[in-house]
Amino acid sequence: MAHTQRITATKEALELIAKLTDRFGDLMFHQSGGCCDGSSPMCFEKGDFKTGSSDVRLGYVAGYEFWMSNDQFEYWQHTQLTLDVVRGRGSSFSIEIPSGFRFMIRSRLFTPEEAADLEPVFRH
């Protein structure tokens, strides 16, 4: 049986990821900790953002790694994150910005049953 996922994505986010993959190749995501666009998820070409010992991999979106800082994870560890998109132009370094869309995160608390069977995180 599969574990409860910590990160999921909407159909619209998956469609944008497919377009970005066609243009840029392999991708990665990092949940920003407050700079630029506040706390927006940022999408990079794989390897363009260097993760380190202070980052936690929550899981995968469309087969691509999704990371966030450990400090932020401490606050969000009890929530399931859903990657979504909205029309508009953010002010981050995320590669979708020129497309007229930007990624955003929606969240909800895990149920007790989900929390008992969470997908493990990866730490460097």
C-alpha atoms as a PDB file:
ATOM      1  CA  MET A   1       0.000   0.000   0.000  1.00  0.00           C
ATOM      2  CA  ALA A   2       1.260   3.478  -0.875  1.00  0.00           C
ATOM      3  CA  HIS A   3       2.025   6.024   1.817  1.00  0.00           C
ATOM      4  CA  THR A   4       0.131   9.294   2.086  1.00  0.00           C
ATOM      5  CA  GLN A   5       1.850  11.785  -0.189  1.00  0.00           C
ATOM      6  CA  ARG A   6       3.159  15.006   1.314  1.00  0.00           C
ATOM      7  CA  ILE A   7       3.052  16.825  -2.036  1.00  0.00           C
ATOM      8  CA  THR A   8       0.463  16.520  -4.819  1.00  0.00           C
ATOM      9  CA  ALA A   9      -0.413  18.630  -7.873  1.00  0.00           C
ATOM     10  CA  THR A  10      -3.524  19.834  -9.645  1.00  0.00           C
ATOM     11  CA  LYS A  11      -4.280  18.967 -13.260  1.00  0.00           C
ATOM     12  CA  GLU A  12      -3.421  22.556 -14.227  1.00  0.00           C
ATOM     13  CA  ALA A  13      -0.049  22.374 -12.492  1.00  0.00           C
ATOM     14  CA  LEU A  14       0.733  19.080 -14.224  1.00  0.00           C
ATOM     15  CA  GLU A  15      -0.156  20.617 -17.598  1.00  0.00           C
ATOM     16  CA  LEU A  16       2.211  23.547 -17.000  1.00  0.00           C
ATOM     17  CA  ILE A  17       4.941  21.164 -15.828  1.00  0.00           C
ATOM     18  CA  ALA A  18       4.555  19.202 -19.085  1.00  0.00           C
ATOM     19  CA  LYS A  19       5.000  22.409 -21.117  1.00  0.00           C
ATOM     20  CA  LEU A  20       8.037  23.421 -19.068  1.00  0.00           C
ATOM     21  CA  THR A  21       9.527  19.948 -19.484  1.00  0.00           C
ATOM     22  CA  ASP A  22       9.132  20.207 -23.263  1.00  0.00           C
ATOM     23  CA  ARG A  23      11.005  23.512 -23.214  1.00  0.00           C
ATOM     24  CA  PHE A  24      13.614  23.002 -20.486  1.00  0.00           C
ATOM     25  CA  GLY A  25      13.991  19.254 -19.909  1.00  0.00           C
ATOM     26  CA  ASP A  26      14.185  17.805 -16.410  1.00  0.00           C
ATOM     27  CA  LEU A  27      12.967  20.044 -13.607  1.00  0.00           C
ATOM     28  CA  MET A  28      13.055  20.371  -9.830  1.00  0.00           C
ATOM     29  CA  PHE A  29      11.028  22.342  -7.295  1.00  0.00           C
ATOM     30  CA  HIS A  30      11.979  24.157  -4.113  1.00  0.00           C
ATOM     31  CA  GLN A  31       9.491  25.731  -1.728  1.00  0.00           C
ATOM     32  CA  SER A  32      10.807  29.203  -1.065  1.00  0.00           C
ATOM     33  CA  GLY A  33      11.233  30.265   2.517  1.00  0.00           C
ATOM     34  CA  GLY A  34      10.075  33.845   2.208  1.00  0.00           C
ATOM     35  CA  CYS A  35      12.303  35.710  -0.250  1.00  0.00           C
ATOM     36  CA  CYS A  36      10.925  37.385  -3.390  1.00  0.00           C
ATOM     37  CA  ASP A  37       7.418  35.986  -3.840  1.00  0.00           C
ATOM     38  CA  GLY A  38       6.889  35.323  -0.151  1.00  0.00           C
ATOM     39  CA  SER A  39       6.613  31.607   0.216  1.00  0.00           C
ATOM     40  CA  SER A  40       6.082  30.491  -3.370  1.00  0.00           C
ATOM     41  CA  PRO A  41       7.176  27.192  -4.848  1.00  0.00           C
ATOM     42  CA  MET A  42       9.883  27.740  -7.419  1.00  0.00           C
ATOM     43  CA  CYS A  43      10.603  25.591 -10.450  1.00  0.00           C
ATOM     44  CA  PHE A  44      14.125  25.267 -11.835  1.00  0.00           C
ATOM     45  CA  GLU A  45      15.878  23.276 -14.487  1.00  0.00           C
ATOM     46  CA  LYS A  46      17.217  20.236 -12.657  1.00  0.00           C
ATOM     47  CA  GLY A  47      20.517  21.127 -11.029  1.00  0.00           C
ATOM     48  CA  ASP A  48      20.083  24.920 -11.250  1.00  0.00           C
ATOM     49  CA  PHE A  49      19.181  25.105  -7.552  1.00  0.00           C
ATOM     50  CA  LYS A  50      21.638  23.465  -5.198  1.00  0.00           C
ATOM     51  CA  THR A  51      20.046  21.648  -2.283  1.00  0.00           C
ATOM     52  CA  GLY A  52      22.024  21.011   0.851  1.00  0.00           C
ATOM     53  CA  SER A  53      21.922  19.607   4.343  1.00  0.00           C
ATOM     54  CA  SER A  54      19.276  22.154   5.372  1.00  0.00           C
ATOM     55  CA  ASP A  55      16.798  20.918   2.712  1.00  0.00           C
ATOM     56  CA  VAL A  56      14.208  18.143   2.879  1.00  0.00           C
ATOM     57  CA  ARG A  57      12.806  16.309  -0.144  1.00  0.00           C
ATOM     58  CA  LEU A  58       9.060  15.957   0.442  1.00  0.00           C
ATOM     59  CA  GLY A  59       8.447  13.772  -2.589  1.00  0.00           C
ATOM     60  CA  TYR A  60       7.934  14.094  -6.310  1.00  0.00           C
ATOM     61  CA  VAL A  61       5.597  16.053  -8.580  1.00  0.00           C
ATOM     62  CA  ALA A  62       5.269  14.676 -12.132  1.00  0.00           C
ATOM     63  CA  GLY A  63       8.414  12.675 -11.416  1.00  0.00           C
ATOM     64  CA  TYR A  64      10.449  15.722 -10.314  1.00  0.00           C
ATOM     65  CA  GLU A  65      11.881  16.291  -6.852  1.00  0.00           C
ATOM     66  CA  PHE A  66      10.117  18.755  -4.563  1.00  0.00           C
ATOM     67  CA  TRP A  67      12.290  20.240  -1.792  1.00  0.00           C
ATOM     68  CA  MET A  68      11.876  22.739   1.039  1.00  0.00           C
ATOM     69  CA  SER A  69      14.112  24.032   3.796  1.00  0.00           C
ATOM     70  CA  ASN A  70      14.122  21.991   6.987  1.00  0.00           C
ATOM     71  CA  ASP A  71      13.090  25.043   9.041  1.00  0.00           C
ATOM     72  CA  GLN A  72      10.015  25.541   6.881  1.00  0.00           C
ATOM     73  CA  PHE A  73       9.266  21.810   6.939  1.00  0.00           C
ATOM     74  CA  GLU A  74       9.072  21.966  10.728  1.00  0.00           C
ATOM     75  CA  TYR A  75       6.072  24.313  10.339  1.00  0.00           C
ATOM     76  CA  TRP A  76       4.448  22.484   7.423  1.00  0.00           C
ATOM     77  CA  GLN A  77       5.087  18.852   8.324  1.00  0.00           C
ATOM     78  CA  HIS A  78       1.466  18.316   9.389  1.00  0.00           C
ATOM     79  CA  THR A  79       0.014  19.520   6.081  1.00  0.00           C
ATOM     80  CA  GLN A  80      -0.398  18.049   2.641  1.00  0.00           C
ATOM     81  CA  LEU A  81       0.780  20.516   0.023  1.00  0.00           C
ATOM     82  CA  THR A  82      -0.848  20.769  -3.384  1.00  0.00           C
ATOM     83  CA  LEU A  83       1.055  22.466  -6.185  1.00  0.00           C
ATOM     84  CA  ASP A  84      -1.323  24.613  -8.230  1.00  0.00           C
ATOM     85  CA  VAL A  85      -1.048  27.473 -10.727  1.00  0.00           C
ATOM     86  CA  VAL A  86      -2.694  30.861 -11.019  1.00  0.00           C
ATOM     87  CA  ARG A  87      -2.698  33.358 -13.839  1.00  0.00           C
ATOM     88  CA  GLY A  88      -0.319  36.213 -13.205  1.00  0.00           C
ATOM     89  CA  ARG A  89       3.325  37.034 -12.963  1.00  0.00           C
ATOM     90  CA  GLY A  90       5.199  36.384  -9.768  1.00  0.00           C
ATOM     91  CA  SER A  91       8.434  38.068  -8.776  1.00  0.00           C
ATOM     92  CA  SER A  92      10.564  34.994  -8.164  1.00  0.00           C
ATOM     93  CA  PHE A  93      13.265  33.268 -10.196  1.00  0.00           C
ATOM     94  CA  SER A  94      10.955  30.384 -11.087  1.00  0.00           C
ATOM     95  CA  ILE A  95      11.089  29.416 -14.767  1.00  0.00           C
ATOM     96  CA  GLU A  96       7.314  29.521 -15.341  1.00  0.00           C
ATOM     97  CA  ILE A  97       7.072  33.269 -14.676  1.00  0.00           C
ATOM     98  CA  PRO A  98       7.371  34.367 -18.366  1.00  0.00           C
ATOM     99  CA  SER A  99       4.457  32.034 -19.266  1.00  0.00           C
ATOM    100  CA  GLY A 100       1.906  34.309 -17.592  1.00  0.00           C
ATOM    101  CA  PHE A 101       1.288  31.770 -14.825  1.00  0.00           C
ATOM    102  CA  ARG A 102       2.906  31.113 -11.489  1.00  0.00           C
ATOM    103  CA  PHE A 103       2.981  28.154  -9.173  1.00  0.00           C
ATOM    104  CA  MET A 104       1.393  28.425  -5.773  1.00  0.00           C
ATOM    105  CA  ILE A 105       0.820  26.070  -2.850  1.00  0.00           C
ATOM    106  CA  ARG A 106      -2.473  25.115  -1.291  1.00  0.00           C
ATOM    107  CA  SER A 107      -2.372  23.183   1.952  1.00  0.00           C
ATOM    108  CA  ARG A 108      -4.572  21.195   4.286  1.00  0.00           C
ATOM    109  CA  LEU A 109      -3.943  19.355   7.530  1.00  0.00           C
ATOM    110  CA  PHE A 110      -3.487  15.600   7.326  1.00  0.00           C
ATOM    111  CA  THR A 111      -6.223  13.492   8.868  1.00  0.00           C
ATOM    112  CA  PRO A 112      -5.070  11.313  11.795  1.00  0.00           C
ATOM    113  CA  GLU A 113      -5.202   8.258   9.492  1.00  0.00           C
ATOM    114  CA  GLU A 114      -3.075   9.977   6.842  1.00  0.00           C
ATOM    115  CA  ALA A 115      -0.605  11.249   9.434  1.00  0.00           C
ATOM    116  CA  ALA A 116      -0.074   7.688  10.670  1.00  0.00           C
ATOM    117  CA  ASP A 117       1.102   6.589   7.198  1.00  0.00           C
ATOM    118  CA  LEU A 118       3.052   9.519   5.744  1.00  0.00           C
ATOM    119  CA  GLU A 119       5.519   9.150   2.909  1.00  0.00           C
ATOM    120  CA  PRO A 120       9.004   9.458   4.467  1.00  0.00           C
ATOM    121  CA  VAL A 121      11.059  12.552   3.679  1.00  0.00           C
ATOM    122  CA  PHE A 122      14.650  12.463   2.452  1.00  0.00           C
ATOM    123  CA  ARG A 123      17.347  14.485   4.182  1.00  0.00           C
ATOM    124  CA  HIS A 124      20.878  14.864   2.795  1.00  0.00           C
END
